[in-house]
N, C-alpha and C. Protein backbone atom coordinates (compact mmCIF):
# COMPACT_ATOMS: atom_id res chain seq x y z
N MET A 1 -18.76 -24.19 -6.31
CA MET A 1 -19.12 -23.75 -8.16
C MET A 1 -18.56 -22.64 -7.54
N ALA A 2 -18.24 -22.24 -8.51
CA ALA A 2 -16.97 -21.19 -8.49
C ALA A 2 -17.87 -20.15 -8.46
N SER A 3 -17.20 -18.66 -7.95
CA SER A 3 -17.72 -17.30 -8.13
C SER A 3 -17.82 -17.02 -9.76
N GLU A 4 -17.66 -15.87 -10.25
CA GLU A 4 -17.93 -15.51 -11.32
C GLU A 4 -16.95 -14.57 -11.31
N ILE A 5 -16.62 -13.82 -10.16
CA ILE A 5 -14.47 -13.40 -9.79
C ILE A 5 -14.09 -14.08 -10.58
N GLN A 6 -14.40 -15.53 -9.26
CA GLN A 6 -13.38 -17.06 -9.62
C GLN A 6 -13.46 -17.55 -10.54
N LYS A 7 -14.60 -17.25 -11.39
CA LYS A 7 -14.48 -18.08 -13.53
C LYS A 7 -13.68 -16.60 -14.03
N ASN A 8 -13.61 -14.76 -13.60
CA ASN A 8 -13.19 -14.06 -14.25
C ASN A 8 -11.64 -14.69 -14.28
N LEU A 9 -10.87 -14.05 -13.03
CA LEU A 9 -9.72 -14.28 -12.71
C LEU A 9 -9.65 -15.52 -13.65
N VAL A 10 -9.39 -17.08 -13.74
CA VAL A 10 -9.25 -17.90 -14.12
C VAL A 10 -9.19 -17.29 -16.21
N GLU A 11 -9.91 -16.85 -16.22
CA GLU A 11 -10.68 -16.74 -17.72
C GLU A 11 -9.39 -15.45 -18.14
N LYS A 12 -8.94 -14.73 -17.82
CA LYS A 12 -8.07 -13.49 -17.84
C LYS A 12 -6.43 -14.10 -17.46
N ASN A 13 -6.47 -14.77 -16.74
CA ASN A 13 -5.13 -15.06 -16.49
C ASN A 13 -4.60 -15.99 -16.98
N SER A 14 -5.96 -16.91 -17.86
CA SER A 14 -5.40 -17.76 -19.13
C SER A 14 -4.88 -16.72 -20.31
N GLU A 15 -5.68 -15.36 -20.53
CA GLU A 15 -5.36 -14.89 -22.06
C GLU A 15 -3.91 -14.45 -20.97
N TYR A 16 -3.91 -13.62 -19.80
CA TYR A 16 -2.45 -13.51 -19.78
C TYR A 16 -1.60 -14.82 -19.64
N ALA A 17 -0.74 -15.20 -19.09
CA ALA A 17 0.00 -16.34 -19.65
C ALA A 17 -0.31 -16.39 -21.31
N SER A 18 -0.82 -16.94 -21.64
CA SER A 18 -0.86 -17.17 -23.25
C SER A 18 0.49 -16.55 -23.78
N THR A 19 0.84 -14.99 -22.92
CA THR A 19 2.62 -14.17 -23.88
C THR A 19 2.64 -14.08 -23.18
N PHE A 20 2.09 -14.54 -21.97
CA PHE A 20 4.27 -14.08 -20.48
C PHE A 20 5.21 -14.25 -20.72
N ASP A 21 6.11 -14.20 -20.73
CA ASP A 21 7.49 -14.05 -21.09
C ASP A 21 8.65 -13.68 -20.16
N GLN A 22 8.14 -13.11 -18.72
CA GLN A 22 8.59 -12.17 -17.96
C GLN A 22 9.05 -13.73 -16.99
N GLY A 23 9.40 -15.22 -17.21
CA GLY A 23 9.29 -15.90 -16.05
C GLY A 23 10.54 -15.69 -15.52
N HIS A 24 11.56 -15.19 -16.34
CA HIS A 24 13.27 -15.16 -16.02
C HIS A 24 13.56 -13.52 -15.34
N LEU A 25 12.68 -12.85 -14.56
CA LEU A 25 12.60 -11.74 -14.06
C LEU A 25 13.51 -12.42 -12.74
N ALA A 26 14.33 -11.43 -11.86
CA ALA A 26 15.36 -12.08 -10.74
C ALA A 26 14.37 -11.40 -9.17
N LEU A 27 13.81 -11.72 -8.15
CA LEU A 27 13.57 -12.03 -7.70
C LEU A 27 14.21 -10.67 -7.13
N PRO A 28 14.87 -10.23 -6.08
CA PRO A 28 15.41 -9.25 -6.35
C PRO A 28 14.64 -7.80 -7.21
N PRO A 29 13.45 -7.08 -6.94
CA PRO A 29 13.17 -5.56 -7.85
C PRO A 29 13.68 -4.46 -8.26
N ALA A 30 14.41 -4.36 -9.09
CA ALA A 30 16.21 -4.55 -10.23
C ALA A 30 16.46 -3.00 -10.12
N LYS A 31 14.69 -2.20 -9.82
CA LYS A 31 15.44 -0.70 -9.97
C LYS A 31 15.58 -0.47 -8.55
N LYS A 32 15.28 -1.38 -6.72
CA LYS A 32 15.60 -1.59 -6.47
C LYS A 32 14.71 -0.31 -5.32
N TYR A 33 14.07 -0.67 -5.69
CA TYR A 33 13.10 0.70 -5.12
C TYR A 33 11.31 -0.78 -4.88
N LEU A 34 10.73 0.60 -3.29
CA LEU A 34 9.30 0.79 -3.05
C LEU A 34 8.45 1.33 -2.75
N VAL A 35 6.97 1.07 -3.24
CA VAL A 35 6.43 1.78 -3.55
C VAL A 35 4.89 1.43 -2.40
N VAL A 36 4.80 2.25 -1.29
CA VAL A 36 4.30 1.66 -0.19
C VAL A 36 2.32 2.74 -1.18
N THR A 37 1.70 2.60 -1.26
CA THR A 37 0.35 2.91 -1.48
C THR A 37 -1.74 1.68 -0.72
N CYS A 38 -2.01 3.08 -1.22
CA CYS A 38 -3.15 2.42 -0.84
C CYS A 38 -3.76 1.38 -1.81
N MET A 39 -4.66 0.36 -1.06
CA MET A 39 -5.22 -0.80 -1.21
C MET A 39 -6.39 -0.17 -3.08
N ASP A 40 -6.73 1.16 -2.88
CA ASP A 40 -8.44 1.96 -3.36
C ASP A 40 -8.10 1.13 -4.75
N ALA A 41 -8.89 0.71 -5.59
CA ALA A 41 -9.24 -0.48 -6.00
C ALA A 41 -9.03 1.61 -7.67
N ARG A 42 -9.18 2.41 -7.35
CA ARG A 42 -9.08 3.25 -8.10
C ARG A 42 -7.43 3.88 -8.71
N ILE A 43 -6.79 2.94 -7.31
CA ILE A 43 -5.16 3.07 -8.17
C ILE A 43 -4.53 2.13 -8.74
N ASP A 44 -4.36 2.43 -9.57
CA ASP A 44 -3.35 1.52 -10.43
C ASP A 44 -1.63 1.60 -9.94
N PRO A 45 -1.31 1.46 -10.26
CA PRO A 45 0.68 2.07 -9.59
C PRO A 45 0.84 1.38 -10.30
N ALA A 46 0.99 0.65 -11.03
CA ALA A 46 2.35 0.11 -12.87
C ALA A 46 1.89 1.84 -12.91
N ALA A 47 0.52 1.51 -13.83
CA ALA A 47 0.14 2.69 -15.27
C ALA A 47 0.20 4.42 -14.15
N ALA A 48 0.56 4.56 -12.73
CA ALA A 48 -0.05 4.94 -12.05
C ALA A 48 1.56 6.26 -12.46
N PHE A 49 2.54 5.05 -11.79
CA PHE A 49 3.65 5.33 -11.06
C PHE A 49 4.68 4.95 -12.19
N GLY A 50 4.71 4.32 -12.92
CA GLY A 50 5.76 4.11 -14.71
C GLY A 50 6.45 2.56 -13.87
N ILE A 51 6.04 1.21 -12.82
CA ILE A 51 6.74 1.10 -12.59
C ILE A 51 6.37 -1.06 -13.73
N SER A 52 7.12 -0.70 -14.18
CA SER A 52 7.32 -2.27 -14.97
C SER A 52 7.35 -3.21 -14.19
N LEU A 53 7.02 -4.69 -14.91
CA LEU A 53 7.28 -5.18 -13.98
C LEU A 53 8.24 -5.93 -13.62
N GLY A 54 9.49 -6.18 -12.22
CA GLY A 54 10.28 -7.00 -12.20
C GLY A 54 10.96 -5.70 -11.33
N ASP A 55 10.68 -4.15 -12.31
CA ASP A 55 11.28 -3.59 -11.43
C ASP A 55 11.15 -2.74 -9.49
N ALA A 56 10.26 -2.92 -9.60
CA ALA A 56 10.34 -2.72 -8.24
C ALA A 56 9.24 -2.88 -7.06
N HIS A 57 9.03 -3.41 -5.59
CA HIS A 57 7.60 -3.71 -4.94
C HIS A 57 6.71 -3.57 -4.53
N VAL A 58 6.07 -3.27 -4.87
CA VAL A 58 4.56 -2.29 -3.84
C VAL A 58 3.66 -3.26 -3.63
N ILE A 59 3.77 -2.58 -2.27
CA ILE A 59 3.06 -2.09 -1.32
C ILE A 59 1.58 -2.05 -0.98
N ARG A 60 0.42 -2.72 -0.43
CA ARG A 60 -0.21 -1.88 -0.97
C ARG A 60 -1.85 -2.61 0.64
N ASN A 61 -1.99 -0.70 1.21
CA ASN A 61 -3.26 -1.73 2.82
C ASN A 61 -3.77 -0.15 3.13
N ALA A 62 -4.85 -0.73 3.43
CA ALA A 62 -5.69 0.25 3.53
C ALA A 62 -5.06 1.77 3.90
N GLY A 63 -4.97 2.69 2.93
CA GLY A 63 -4.34 4.57 3.81
C GLY A 63 -3.27 4.88 3.20
N ALA A 64 -2.08 3.30 2.84
CA ALA A 64 -1.13 3.85 2.47
C ALA A 64 0.14 3.87 3.83
N SER A 65 -0.87 3.10 4.52
CA SER A 65 0.42 3.40 5.74
C SER A 65 1.41 1.94 6.27
N ALA A 66 2.91 3.35 6.46
CA ALA A 66 4.15 2.95 6.90
C ALA A 66 3.76 2.01 8.18
N LYS A 67 3.57 2.06 9.16
CA LYS A 67 2.98 0.81 9.88
C LYS A 67 2.98 -0.50 9.93
N ASP A 68 1.54 0.54 8.80
CA ASP A 68 0.82 -1.34 8.66
C ASP A 68 1.65 -1.75 7.92
N ALA A 69 2.40 -1.20 7.06
CA ALA A 69 3.43 -2.08 5.81
C ALA A 69 5.10 -1.89 6.97
N GLN A 70 5.19 -2.06 8.66
CA GLN A 70 6.60 -1.96 7.77
C GLN A 70 7.21 -3.77 7.64
N ARG A 71 6.53 -4.72 8.10
CA ARG A 71 7.27 -6.09 7.90
C ARG A 71 8.14 -6.09 7.29
N SER A 72 6.75 -6.08 6.14
CA SER A 72 7.21 -5.74 4.28
C SER A 72 8.57 -4.69 3.62
N ILE A 73 8.65 -3.63 4.77
CA ILE A 73 9.28 -3.13 4.01
C ILE A 73 10.14 -3.14 4.01
N ILE A 74 10.84 -4.36 5.52
CA ILE A 74 11.56 -4.95 6.08
C ILE A 74 12.50 -6.04 5.09
N ILE A 75 11.54 -6.39 5.30
CA ILE A 75 11.71 -7.97 3.87
C ILE A 75 12.63 -7.09 2.65
N SER A 76 11.98 -6.12 2.43
CA SER A 76 11.92 -6.29 1.12
C SER A 76 13.71 -5.38 1.01
N GLU A 77 13.87 -4.52 2.37
CA GLU A 77 15.72 -3.68 2.28
C GLU A 77 15.98 -4.72 2.89
N GLN A 78 16.22 -5.22 3.99
CA GLN A 78 17.04 -6.49 4.12
C GLN A 78 16.48 -7.59 3.58
N LEU A 79 15.74 -8.71 2.81
CA LEU A 79 15.87 -9.45 2.03
C LEU A 79 16.32 -9.51 0.51
N LEU A 80 16.02 -8.63 0.78
CA LEU A 80 15.78 -8.35 -1.58
C LEU A 80 16.29 -6.82 -1.75
N GLY A 81 17.50 -5.73 -1.60
CA GLY A 81 17.86 -4.89 -1.46
C GLY A 81 17.59 -3.65 -1.36
N THR A 82 16.09 -3.16 -1.92
CA THR A 82 15.89 -2.07 -2.24
C THR A 82 15.68 -0.85 -1.92
N ARG A 83 16.60 -0.40 -1.77
CA ARG A 83 17.29 1.07 -1.15
C ARG A 83 16.62 3.08 -1.44
N GLU A 84 15.15 2.92 -1.87
CA GLU A 84 14.59 4.18 -1.53
C GLU A 84 12.48 3.19 -1.64
N ILE A 85 12.02 4.26 -0.62
CA ILE A 85 10.74 4.27 -0.34
C ILE A 85 9.75 5.42 -1.32
N ILE A 86 8.64 4.90 -1.87
CA ILE A 86 8.56 6.06 -2.60
C ILE A 86 6.91 5.91 -1.88
N LEU A 87 5.96 6.59 -0.28
CA LEU A 87 4.82 6.49 -0.27
C LEU A 87 3.91 7.26 -0.93
N VAL A 88 2.81 6.24 -1.45
CA VAL A 88 1.59 8.04 -1.95
C VAL A 88 0.53 7.50 -1.03
N LYS A 89 0.00 8.47 -0.44
CA LYS A 89 -1.28 8.00 0.17
C LYS A 89 -1.99 9.28 -1.59
N HIS A 90 -3.32 9.41 -1.02
CA HIS A 90 -4.09 10.04 -2.06
C HIS A 90 -5.75 10.90 -1.74
N THR A 91 -5.79 11.18 -2.62
CA THR A 91 -6.80 12.11 -2.13
C THR A 91 -8.30 11.33 -2.52
N GLY A 92 -9.22 12.00 -1.67
CA GLY A 92 -10.76 10.76 -1.71
C GLY A 92 -10.71 9.67 -0.76
N CYS A 93 -9.10 9.48 -0.09
CA CYS A 93 -8.55 8.34 0.62
C CYS A 93 -9.78 8.30 1.93
N GLY A 94 -10.28 6.97 2.21
CA GLY A 94 -11.32 6.27 3.34
C GLY A 94 -11.03 6.56 4.48
N MET A 95 -9.82 6.53 4.85
CA MET A 95 -9.06 6.06 6.27
C MET A 95 -9.49 7.86 6.33
N LEU A 96 -9.93 8.75 5.77
CA LEU A 96 -9.88 10.39 6.24
C LEU A 96 -11.57 10.53 6.75
N THR A 97 -12.66 10.07 6.08
CA THR A 97 -13.79 9.65 6.56
C THR A 97 -14.25 9.05 8.70
N PHE A 98 -13.85 8.46 8.67
CA PHE A 98 -13.82 7.56 10.43
C PHE A 98 -12.99 7.58 10.95
N THR A 99 -13.03 8.13 12.28
CA THR A 99 -12.08 7.62 13.75
C THR A 99 -11.87 6.20 14.05
N ASN A 100 -11.18 6.02 14.93
CA ASN A 100 -10.89 4.24 15.45
C ASN A 100 -12.22 4.12 15.90
N ASP A 101 -13.00 5.65 16.98
CA ASP A 101 -14.49 4.68 17.91
C ASP A 101 -14.91 4.36 16.30
N ASP A 102 -15.47 5.20 15.13
CA ASP A 102 -16.57 5.13 14.19
C ASP A 102 -16.15 2.69 14.33
N ALA A 103 -15.31 2.62 13.94
CA ALA A 103 -14.48 1.08 13.01
C ALA A 103 -14.50 0.51 13.62
N HIS A 104 -14.23 0.45 14.85
CA HIS A 104 -15.09 -0.63 16.35
C HIS A 104 -16.33 -1.18 16.52
N ALA A 105 -17.41 0.73 16.76
CA ALA A 105 -18.68 1.06 16.39
C ALA A 105 -19.52 -0.49 15.63
N VAL A 106 -18.67 0.46 14.07
CA VAL A 106 -19.11 0.14 13.06
C VAL A 106 -19.22 -1.96 13.20
N VAL A 107 -17.58 -2.54 13.81
CA VAL A 107 -17.49 -3.98 13.54
C VAL A 107 -18.56 -4.24 14.58
N LYS A 108 -18.60 -4.37 15.53
CA LYS A 108 -19.39 -4.32 17.26
C LYS A 108 -20.57 -4.58 16.31
N GLN A 109 -21.19 -3.44 15.40
CA GLN A 109 -22.63 -3.41 15.00
C GLN A 109 -22.73 -4.56 14.01
N ASN A 110 -22.46 -4.81 13.35
CA ASN A 110 -21.90 -5.77 12.12
C ASN A 110 -21.50 -7.40 12.49
N LEU A 111 -20.59 -7.06 13.19
CA LEU A 111 -19.34 -7.91 13.12
C LEU A 111 -19.90 -8.41 14.80
N GLY A 112 -20.44 -8.13 15.87
CA GLY A 112 -21.49 -8.83 17.29
C GLY A 112 -19.65 -8.84 18.51
N PRO A 113 -19.79 -8.60 19.56
CA PRO A 113 -19.37 -8.37 20.44
C PRO A 113 -17.93 -9.82 19.90
N THR A 114 -18.24 -10.80 19.55
CA THR A 114 -16.63 -12.34 19.80
C THR A 114 -15.50 -11.22 18.79
N ALA A 115 -16.13 -10.11 17.60
CA ALA A 115 -15.48 -9.51 16.71
C ALA A 115 -14.35 -8.21 17.08
N VAL A 116 -15.57 -8.18 18.42
CA VAL A 116 -14.43 -6.79 19.14
C VAL A 116 -13.96 -7.16 19.85
N THR A 117 -14.15 -8.29 20.59
CA THR A 117 -13.24 -8.47 21.47
C THR A 117 -11.72 -9.58 20.74
N GLU A 118 -12.52 -10.28 20.16
CA GLU A 118 -10.50 -10.42 18.41
C GLU A 118 -10.47 -9.48 18.15
N ILE A 119 -10.65 -8.59 18.00
CA ILE A 119 -9.64 -7.19 17.26
C ILE A 119 -9.23 -5.93 18.96
N GLY A 120 -9.78 -5.91 19.83
CA GLY A 120 -9.37 -5.37 20.79
C GLY A 120 -9.55 -4.02 20.41
N SER A 121 -8.34 -3.49 20.97
CA SER A 121 -7.58 -2.37 20.84
C SER A 121 -7.04 -1.60 18.83
N LEU A 122 -7.44 -2.64 18.34
CA LEU A 122 -6.72 -2.30 17.12
C LEU A 122 -6.78 -0.73 16.64
N ASP A 123 -6.00 -0.08 16.10
CA ASP A 123 -5.65 0.86 15.57
C ASP A 123 -5.77 1.29 14.26
N PHE A 124 -7.20 1.66 13.58
CA PHE A 124 -7.04 1.70 11.92
C PHE A 124 -6.43 2.10 11.09
N LEU A 125 -5.96 3.17 12.10
CA LEU A 125 -4.67 4.47 11.34
C LEU A 125 -5.74 5.47 10.28
N PRO A 126 -6.32 5.54 10.85
CA PRO A 126 -7.47 5.63 10.29
C PRO A 126 -6.46 8.24 10.00
N PHE A 127 -6.62 8.97 9.69
CA PHE A 127 -6.24 10.21 9.50
C PHE A 127 -6.84 11.62 9.01
N PRO A 128 -6.55 12.82 9.56
CA PRO A 128 -8.04 14.17 9.24
C PRO A 128 -7.89 14.22 8.41
N GLU A 129 -6.39 14.11 7.70
CA GLU A 129 -5.57 15.83 7.12
C GLU A 129 -4.95 14.81 6.08
N LEU A 130 -4.51 15.34 5.05
CA LEU A 130 -3.77 13.59 4.04
C LEU A 130 -2.16 14.34 3.70
N ASP A 131 -1.61 15.98 4.05
CA ASP A 131 -0.78 16.13 3.38
C ASP A 131 -0.05 15.62 4.94
N GLY A 132 -0.94 15.87 5.84
CA GLY A 132 -0.51 15.98 6.99
C GLY A 132 0.30 14.21 7.78
N ALA A 133 -0.38 14.13 7.36
CA ALA A 133 -0.61 11.88 7.07
C ALA A 133 0.06 11.58 6.18
N VAL A 134 0.56 11.92 5.00
CA VAL A 134 1.35 11.99 4.34
C VAL A 134 2.93 12.25 5.76
N ARG A 135 3.41 13.13 6.20
CA ARG A 135 4.17 13.61 6.06
C ARG A 135 4.44 12.87 7.70
N LYS A 136 3.59 12.94 8.52
CA LYS A 136 3.44 11.58 9.69
C LYS A 136 4.56 10.17 9.45
N ASP A 137 3.46 9.60 7.91
CA ASP A 137 4.01 8.65 7.76
C ASP A 137 5.71 8.43 6.60
N VAL A 138 6.52 9.64 6.44
CA VAL A 138 7.29 10.14 6.05
C VAL A 138 8.29 9.94 7.12
N GLU A 139 8.07 11.31 8.63
CA GLU A 139 9.37 10.47 9.08
C GLU A 139 9.40 9.70 10.21
N PHE A 140 8.04 9.48 10.31
CA PHE A 140 7.90 7.72 10.66
C PHE A 140 9.76 6.71 10.24
N LEU A 141 8.69 6.58 9.15
CA LEU A 141 10.24 5.73 8.72
C LEU A 141 11.63 6.35 8.53
N LYS A 142 11.30 7.42 8.91
CA LYS A 142 12.89 8.14 8.01
C LYS A 142 13.42 7.81 10.18
N LYS A 143 12.03 7.61 10.94
CA LYS A 143 13.24 7.71 12.53
C LYS A 143 12.94 6.07 12.48
N THR A 144 12.62 5.17 12.23
CA THR A 144 12.28 4.25 12.76
C THR A 144 13.64 3.62 12.53
N ALA A 145 14.32 2.75 13.08
CA ALA A 145 15.59 1.80 13.60
C ALA A 145 15.41 1.26 12.69
N THR A 146 14.00 0.64 11.85
CA THR A 146 13.91 -0.86 11.02
C THR A 146 14.31 -0.24 9.69
N VAL A 147 14.14 1.01 9.52
CA VAL A 147 14.79 1.54 8.19
C VAL A 147 15.80 2.48 7.92
N PRO A 148 17.18 1.25 7.42
CA PRO A 148 18.58 2.42 7.30
C PRO A 148 18.19 3.75 7.08
N GLU A 149 19.59 4.49 7.42
CA GLU A 149 19.06 5.79 7.63
C GLU A 149 19.69 5.79 6.53
N ASP A 150 20.20 5.29 5.20
CA ASP A 150 21.04 6.01 3.61
C ASP A 150 20.07 5.67 3.28
N VAL A 151 18.66 5.15 3.09
CA VAL A 151 17.57 4.40 2.53
C VAL A 151 16.47 6.31 2.14
N LYS A 152 16.65 6.14 1.25
CA LYS A 152 16.21 8.05 0.37
C LYS A 152 14.28 7.41 0.71
N ILE A 153 13.97 8.46 0.79
CA ILE A 153 12.47 8.43 1.49
C ILE A 153 11.47 9.58 0.74
N SER A 154 10.44 9.56 0.26
CA SER A 154 9.81 10.33 -0.14
C SER A 154 8.27 10.43 0.39
N GLY A 155 7.13 11.22 0.81
CA GLY A 155 6.01 11.47 0.06
C GLY A 155 5.48 11.91 -0.60
N TRP A 156 4.28 11.28 -0.79
CA TRP A 156 2.87 12.00 -2.18
C TRP A 156 2.31 11.37 -1.72
N VAL A 157 1.40 12.30 -3.55
CA VAL A 157 0.48 12.21 -3.05
C VAL A 157 -0.49 12.30 -4.53
N TYR A 158 -1.31 11.07 -4.96
CA TYR A 158 -2.12 10.50 -6.16
C TYR A 158 -3.65 11.84 -6.28
N GLU A 159 -3.90 12.53 -7.55
CA GLU A 159 -5.38 12.50 -7.22
C GLU A 159 -5.93 11.69 -8.23
N VAL A 160 -6.65 11.13 -7.59
CA VAL A 160 -7.44 9.98 -8.22
C VAL A 160 -8.70 10.96 -9.25
N GLU A 161 -8.62 12.68 -8.90
CA GLU A 161 -9.48 13.14 -9.59
C GLU A 161 -8.93 13.74 -10.84
N THR A 162 -7.63 13.31 -11.07
CA THR A 162 -6.87 13.66 -12.66
C THR A 162 -6.29 12.93 -12.62
N GLY A 163 -5.23 11.90 -11.48
CA GLY A 163 -4.29 10.65 -12.17
C GLY A 163 -3.35 11.30 -11.61
N LYS A 164 -2.11 12.94 -11.96
CA LYS A 164 -1.52 13.39 -11.56
C LYS A 164 -1.08 13.06 -10.11
N VAL A 165 0.55 12.88 -9.91
CA VAL A 165 1.18 13.07 -8.19
C VAL A 165 1.51 14.22 -7.95
N ARG A 166 1.59 14.75 -6.37
CA ARG A 166 2.31 15.60 -6.53
C ARG A 166 3.15 15.29 -5.33
N GLN A 167 4.28 15.97 -5.38
CA GLN A 167 5.31 15.51 -3.63
C GLN A 167 4.69 16.54 -2.57
N VAL A 168 4.90 15.94 -1.83
CA VAL A 168 4.69 16.85 0.22
C VAL A 168 6.06 16.89 0.19
N ASP A 169 6.04 17.93 0.90
CA ASP A 169 7.26 18.39 1.47
C ASP A 169 7.27 18.43 3.38
């Protein structure tokens, strides 16, 4: 039996598909850039960052982690031609609220020792300070051999309270 969420997906998709006329868009992003941002439900990357359908790849993960996004970044650049990376973390991010030890303890408590064994020493990639985390991820992207030197990289903070972005130097 379908959940209410699944029913909503089908209903809303039917509405969307009834007027959809963008099936002709090319596979590579037209503006040749990608955005790495957080999976936080308060962020609407298309609306907040001015991304039209077909313009850019949007890679989302917990905390807008460049390391976690690396596989997708490589595919986007090497197979689909993107030439710029916009990394956007945000205020009020859950990744600011815990440590790896905290996350491992929650997994152990909620899912048991088998889950702890499965995740081993998984780095949940939390960070204690927002601007520093942006700088660290930008530096990672600039230094990794998997991102060509001519790819432009910038780091940003999205303020969930105001909807504004600011660049991090």
